[in-house]
Amino acid sequence: MPSATFVKPSESALVQLNTLHQDLVHFDLPREKAFVLYALVSKLNSQNDIKVDHFAQKKVLWDLESILQGAIPEFAENDFGSKVKEAYEETWPTNFS
């Protein structure tokens, strides 16, 4: 069984890492809304005729789809589609029975 050793990064390495990521924006998003956002971004990315004002908008959509795929562990599961449907219902309930 492979083993891993944790090596504490030096303070200068941490400062450099933090400097590289100082322009990042972080926000909290409930899991069900992340599913809904992923479905929307994926749909937009699959449309070849999507109208954008600048190609940078298309790139950001591609990047966002990739980020969401990495952030949602369930993405790799076979029933991901059903999880998206559940997220739709949690976000905007349509079944009131």
N, C-alpha and C. Protein backbone atom coordinates (compact mmCIF):
# COMPACT_ATOMS: atom_id res chain seq x y z
N MET A 1 0.85 -1.17 0.00
CA MET A 1 0.00 0.00 0.00
C MET A 1 0.89 1.24 0.00
N PRO A 2 0.66 2.16 -0.94
CA PRO A 2 1.51 3.34 -1.00
C PRO A 2 1.31 4.21 0.23
N SER A 3 2.36 4.90 0.60
CA SER A 3 2.25 5.80 1.74
C SER A 3 2.56 7.21 1.26
N ALA A 4 2.03 8.16 1.99
CA ALA A 4 2.27 9.56 1.66
C ALA A 4 2.87 10.26 2.85
N THR A 5 3.74 11.17 2.59
CA THR A 5 4.36 11.96 3.65
C THR A 5 3.99 13.41 3.44
N PHE A 6 3.51 14.02 4.49
CA PHE A 6 3.15 15.43 4.40
C PHE A 6 4.38 16.25 4.74
N VAL A 7 4.71 17.16 3.85
CA VAL A 7 5.82 18.07 4.09
C VAL A 7 5.25 19.46 4.21
N LYS A 8 5.48 20.09 5.34
CA LYS A 8 4.96 21.43 5.57
C LYS A 8 5.68 22.41 4.66
N PRO A 9 4.93 23.18 3.87
CA PRO A 9 5.59 24.15 2.98
C PRO A 9 6.27 25.24 3.78
N SER A 10 7.32 25.77 3.24
CA SER A 10 8.01 26.87 3.91
C SER A 10 7.13 28.11 3.88
N GLU A 11 7.41 29.03 4.79
CA GLU A 11 6.62 30.26 4.85
C GLU A 11 6.72 31.04 3.54
N SER A 12 7.88 31.07 2.95
CA SER A 12 8.04 31.80 1.69
C SER A 12 7.22 31.16 0.58
N ALA A 13 7.12 29.83 0.60
CA ALA A 13 6.30 29.14 -0.40
C ALA A 13 4.83 29.48 -0.21
N LEU A 14 4.38 29.59 1.04
CA LEU A 14 2.99 29.94 1.30
C LEU A 14 2.70 31.37 0.87
N VAL A 15 3.62 32.26 1.12
CA VAL A 15 3.43 33.65 0.70
C VAL A 15 3.35 33.71 -0.82
N GLN A 16 4.22 32.97 -1.50
CA GLN A 16 4.20 32.96 -2.96
C GLN A 16 2.88 32.37 -3.46
N LEU A 17 2.42 31.28 -2.87
CA LEU A 17 1.15 30.66 -3.28
C LEU A 17 0.01 31.64 -3.07
N ASN A 18 -0.03 32.30 -1.91
CA ASN A 18 -1.11 33.26 -1.65
C ASN A 18 -1.05 34.43 -2.61
N THR A 19 0.13 34.84 -2.99
CA THR A 19 0.27 35.93 -3.94
C THR A 19 -0.27 35.53 -5.31
N LEU A 20 -0.02 34.29 -5.71
CA LEU A 20 -0.51 33.82 -7.00
C LEU A 20 -2.04 33.79 -7.06
N HIS A 21 -2.67 33.58 -5.92
CA HIS A 21 -4.13 33.43 -5.89
C HIS A 21 -4.84 34.62 -5.25
N GLN A 22 -4.18 35.76 -5.18
CA GLN A 22 -4.79 36.90 -4.50
C GLN A 22 -5.98 37.48 -5.25
N ASP A 23 -6.08 37.22 -6.54
CA ASP A 23 -7.19 37.77 -7.31
C ASP A 23 -8.37 36.82 -7.45
N LEU A 24 -8.37 35.73 -6.70
CA LEU A 24 -9.48 34.78 -6.76
C LEU A 24 -10.68 35.31 -5.97
N VAL A 25 -11.86 34.96 -6.43
CA VAL A 25 -13.09 35.29 -5.73
C VAL A 25 -13.69 33.99 -5.23
N HIS A 26 -14.01 33.94 -3.97
CA HIS A 26 -14.61 32.74 -3.38
C HIS A 26 -16.01 33.06 -2.91
N PHE A 27 -16.91 32.10 -3.09
CA PHE A 27 -18.25 32.26 -2.57
C PHE A 27 -18.81 30.91 -2.22
N ASP A 28 -19.76 30.89 -1.31
CA ASP A 28 -20.41 29.66 -0.89
C ASP A 28 -21.68 29.49 -1.70
N LEU A 29 -21.88 28.29 -2.17
CA LEU A 29 -23.04 27.98 -2.99
C LEU A 29 -23.63 26.67 -2.49
N PRO A 30 -24.89 26.67 -2.11
CA PRO A 30 -25.50 25.42 -1.67
C PRO A 30 -25.37 24.35 -2.77
N ARG A 31 -25.17 23.11 -2.35
CA ARG A 31 -24.94 22.01 -3.28
C ARG A 31 -26.02 21.91 -4.35
N GLU A 32 -27.29 22.05 -3.97
CA GLU A 32 -28.35 21.91 -4.97
C GLU A 32 -28.26 23.02 -6.02
N LYS A 33 -27.85 24.21 -5.59
CA LYS A 33 -27.70 25.30 -6.56
C LYS A 33 -26.47 25.09 -7.44
N ALA A 34 -25.45 24.43 -6.92
CA ALA A 34 -24.29 24.09 -7.74
C ALA A 34 -24.69 23.11 -8.84
N PHE A 35 -25.56 22.15 -8.52
CA PHE A 35 -26.07 21.21 -9.53
C PHE A 35 -26.83 21.97 -10.62
N VAL A 36 -27.70 22.89 -10.20
CA VAL A 36 -28.51 23.66 -11.15
C VAL A 36 -27.60 24.54 -12.01
N LEU A 37 -26.63 25.19 -11.37
CA LEU A 37 -25.70 26.04 -12.11
C LEU A 37 -24.89 25.22 -13.10
N TYR A 38 -24.44 24.04 -12.68
CA TYR A 38 -23.69 23.18 -13.60
C TYR A 38 -24.56 22.81 -14.81
N ALA A 39 -25.81 22.44 -14.58
CA ALA A 39 -26.69 22.06 -15.68
C ALA A 39 -26.87 23.22 -16.65
N LEU A 40 -27.03 24.42 -16.12
CA LEU A 40 -27.21 25.60 -16.97
C LEU A 40 -25.94 25.90 -17.77
N VAL A 41 -24.81 25.91 -17.11
CA VAL A 41 -23.54 26.22 -17.79
C VAL A 41 -23.23 25.15 -18.83
N SER A 42 -23.47 23.89 -18.49
CA SER A 42 -23.24 22.80 -19.44
C SER A 42 -24.12 22.95 -20.66
N LYS A 43 -25.38 23.32 -20.44
CA LYS A 43 -26.30 23.52 -21.56
C LYS A 43 -25.82 24.66 -22.45
N LEU A 44 -25.42 25.77 -21.84
CA LEU A 44 -24.92 26.90 -22.62
C LEU A 44 -23.67 26.52 -23.41
N ASN A 45 -22.78 25.77 -22.77
CA ASN A 45 -21.54 25.36 -23.45
C ASN A 45 -21.78 24.40 -24.60
N SER A 46 -22.87 23.67 -24.55
CA SER A 46 -23.15 22.71 -25.61
C SER A 46 -23.81 23.36 -26.83
N GLN A 47 -24.23 24.60 -26.68
CA GLN A 47 -24.87 25.31 -27.79
C GLN A 47 -23.81 26.01 -28.64
N ASN A 48 -23.70 25.58 -29.89
CA ASN A 48 -22.70 26.16 -30.79
C ASN A 48 -23.04 27.58 -31.20
N ASP A 49 -24.32 27.92 -31.16
CA ASP A 49 -24.73 29.25 -31.65
C ASP A 49 -25.00 30.25 -30.52
N ILE A 50 -24.46 29.98 -29.34
CA ILE A 50 -24.67 30.90 -28.23
C ILE A 50 -24.05 32.26 -28.57
N LYS A 51 -24.81 33.31 -28.30
CA LYS A 51 -24.35 34.67 -28.59
C LYS A 51 -23.65 35.24 -27.36
N VAL A 52 -22.41 35.65 -27.53
CA VAL A 52 -21.67 36.30 -26.46
C VAL A 52 -21.14 37.63 -26.98
N ASP A 53 -20.94 38.57 -26.06
CA ASP A 53 -20.42 39.88 -26.45
C ASP A 53 -18.92 39.85 -26.70
N HIS A 54 -18.25 38.92 -26.03
CA HIS A 54 -16.81 38.79 -26.16
C HIS A 54 -16.46 37.33 -25.94
N PHE A 55 -15.45 36.84 -26.66
CA PHE A 55 -15.09 35.43 -26.53
C PHE A 55 -14.67 35.07 -25.10
N ALA A 56 -14.22 36.05 -24.33
CA ALA A 56 -13.85 35.80 -22.93
C ALA A 56 -15.03 35.25 -22.14
N GLN A 57 -16.25 35.66 -22.49
CA GLN A 57 -17.44 35.14 -21.81
C GLN A 57 -17.59 33.64 -22.04
N LYS A 58 -17.32 33.19 -23.25
CA LYS A 58 -17.40 31.76 -23.57
C LYS A 58 -16.33 30.99 -22.79
N LYS A 59 -15.13 31.56 -22.72
CA LYS A 59 -14.05 30.90 -21.98
C LYS A 59 -14.40 30.78 -20.50
N VAL A 60 -15.00 31.83 -19.94
CA VAL A 60 -15.39 31.78 -18.53
C VAL A 60 -16.45 30.71 -18.32
N LEU A 61 -17.37 30.54 -19.26
CA LEU A 61 -18.36 29.46 -19.15
C LEU A 61 -17.68 28.09 -19.16
N TRP A 62 -16.70 27.91 -20.05
CA TRP A 62 -15.96 26.64 -20.08
C TRP A 62 -15.24 26.41 -18.75
N ASP A 63 -14.58 27.46 -18.26
CA ASP A 63 -13.85 27.35 -16.99
C ASP A 63 -14.80 27.04 -15.85
N LEU A 64 -15.94 27.71 -15.82
CA LEU A 64 -16.91 27.49 -14.75
C LEU A 64 -17.44 26.06 -14.77
N GLU A 65 -17.69 25.54 -15.95
CA GLU A 65 -18.14 24.14 -16.05
C GLU A 65 -17.09 23.20 -15.48
N SER A 66 -15.85 23.44 -15.81
CA SER A 66 -14.76 22.60 -15.31
C SER A 66 -14.62 22.72 -13.79
N ILE A 67 -14.70 23.93 -13.28
CA ILE A 67 -14.60 24.15 -11.83
C ILE A 67 -15.73 23.42 -11.11
N LEU A 68 -16.94 23.52 -11.64
CA LEU A 68 -18.08 22.86 -11.00
C LEU A 68 -17.95 21.35 -11.05
N GLN A 69 -17.44 20.81 -12.16
CA GLN A 69 -17.23 19.36 -12.25
C GLN A 69 -16.29 18.90 -11.14
N GLY A 70 -15.23 19.66 -10.90
CA GLY A 70 -14.28 19.31 -9.86
C GLY A 70 -14.82 19.49 -8.46
N ALA A 71 -15.76 20.41 -8.30
CA ALA A 71 -16.29 20.71 -6.98
C ALA A 71 -17.45 19.81 -6.57
N ILE A 72 -18.03 19.09 -7.52
CA ILE A 72 -19.19 18.24 -7.24
C ILE A 72 -18.75 16.78 -7.36
N PRO A 73 -18.47 16.13 -6.23
CA PRO A 73 -18.01 14.73 -6.29
C PRO A 73 -19.02 13.80 -6.98
N GLU A 74 -20.29 14.09 -6.85
CA GLU A 74 -21.33 13.24 -7.44
C GLU A 74 -21.33 13.29 -8.96
N PHE A 75 -20.60 14.21 -9.54
CA PHE A 75 -20.56 14.35 -11.00
C PHE A 75 -20.19 13.04 -11.67
N ALA A 76 -19.30 12.26 -11.07
CA ALA A 76 -18.83 11.02 -11.67
C ALA A 76 -19.80 9.86 -11.48
N GLU A 77 -20.85 10.05 -10.71
CA GLU A 77 -21.79 8.96 -10.44
C GLU A 77 -22.75 8.78 -11.62
N ASN A 78 -23.22 7.55 -11.77
CA ASN A 78 -24.13 7.22 -12.87
C ASN A 78 -25.47 7.94 -12.78
N ASP A 79 -25.91 8.26 -11.58
CA ASP A 79 -27.23 8.87 -11.42
C ASP A 79 -27.14 10.38 -11.26
N PHE A 80 -26.13 11.00 -11.86
CA PHE A 80 -25.96 12.44 -11.73
C PHE A 80 -27.19 13.19 -12.25
N GLY A 81 -27.79 12.71 -13.34
CA GLY A 81 -28.98 13.35 -13.90
C GLY A 81 -30.12 13.40 -12.90
N SER A 82 -30.30 12.33 -12.14
CA SER A 82 -31.38 12.34 -11.15
C SER A 82 -31.06 13.30 -10.01
N LYS A 83 -29.78 13.46 -9.70
CA LYS A 83 -29.40 14.42 -8.66
C LYS A 83 -29.67 15.86 -9.12
N VAL A 84 -29.48 16.11 -10.40
CA VAL A 84 -29.80 17.44 -10.95
C VAL A 84 -31.30 17.68 -10.86
N LYS A 85 -32.10 16.68 -11.20
CA LYS A 85 -33.56 16.83 -11.11
C LYS A 85 -34.00 17.09 -9.68
N GLU A 86 -33.39 16.40 -8.72
CA GLU A 86 -33.69 16.64 -7.31
C GLU A 86 -33.31 18.07 -6.92
N ALA A 87 -32.18 18.53 -7.44
CA ALA A 87 -31.72 19.90 -7.14
C ALA A 87 -32.67 20.93 -7.72
N TYR A 88 -33.20 20.66 -8.92
CA TYR A 88 -34.20 21.57 -9.50
C TYR A 88 -35.38 21.70 -8.55
N GLU A 89 -35.86 20.56 -8.07
CA GLU A 89 -37.03 20.55 -7.20
C GLU A 89 -36.75 21.22 -5.87
N GLU A 90 -35.56 21.03 -5.32
CA GLU A 90 -35.20 21.68 -4.06
C GLU A 90 -35.08 23.20 -4.24
N THR A 91 -34.60 23.61 -5.39
CA THR A 91 -34.38 25.03 -5.65
C THR A 91 -35.68 25.74 -6.00
N TRP A 92 -36.50 25.08 -6.80
CA TRP A 92 -37.78 25.66 -7.24
C TRP A 92 -38.84 24.57 -7.20
N PRO A 93 -39.45 24.36 -6.03
CA PRO A 93 -40.42 23.26 -5.89
C PRO A 93 -41.60 23.39 -6.83
N THR A 94 -41.94 22.26 -7.46
CA THR A 94 -43.12 22.22 -8.32
C THR A 94 -44.10 21.16 -7.86
N ASN A 95 -43.66 20.28 -6.98
CA ASN A 95 -44.50 19.20 -6.48
C ASN A 95 -44.96 19.57 -5.08
N PHE A 96 -46.18 20.00 -4.94
CA PHE A 96 -46.70 20.45 -3.65
C PHE A 96 -47.59 19.43 -2.97
N SER A 97 -47.56 18.21 -3.43
CA SER A 97 -48.45 17.22 -2.82
C SER A 97 -47.86 16.63 -1.57
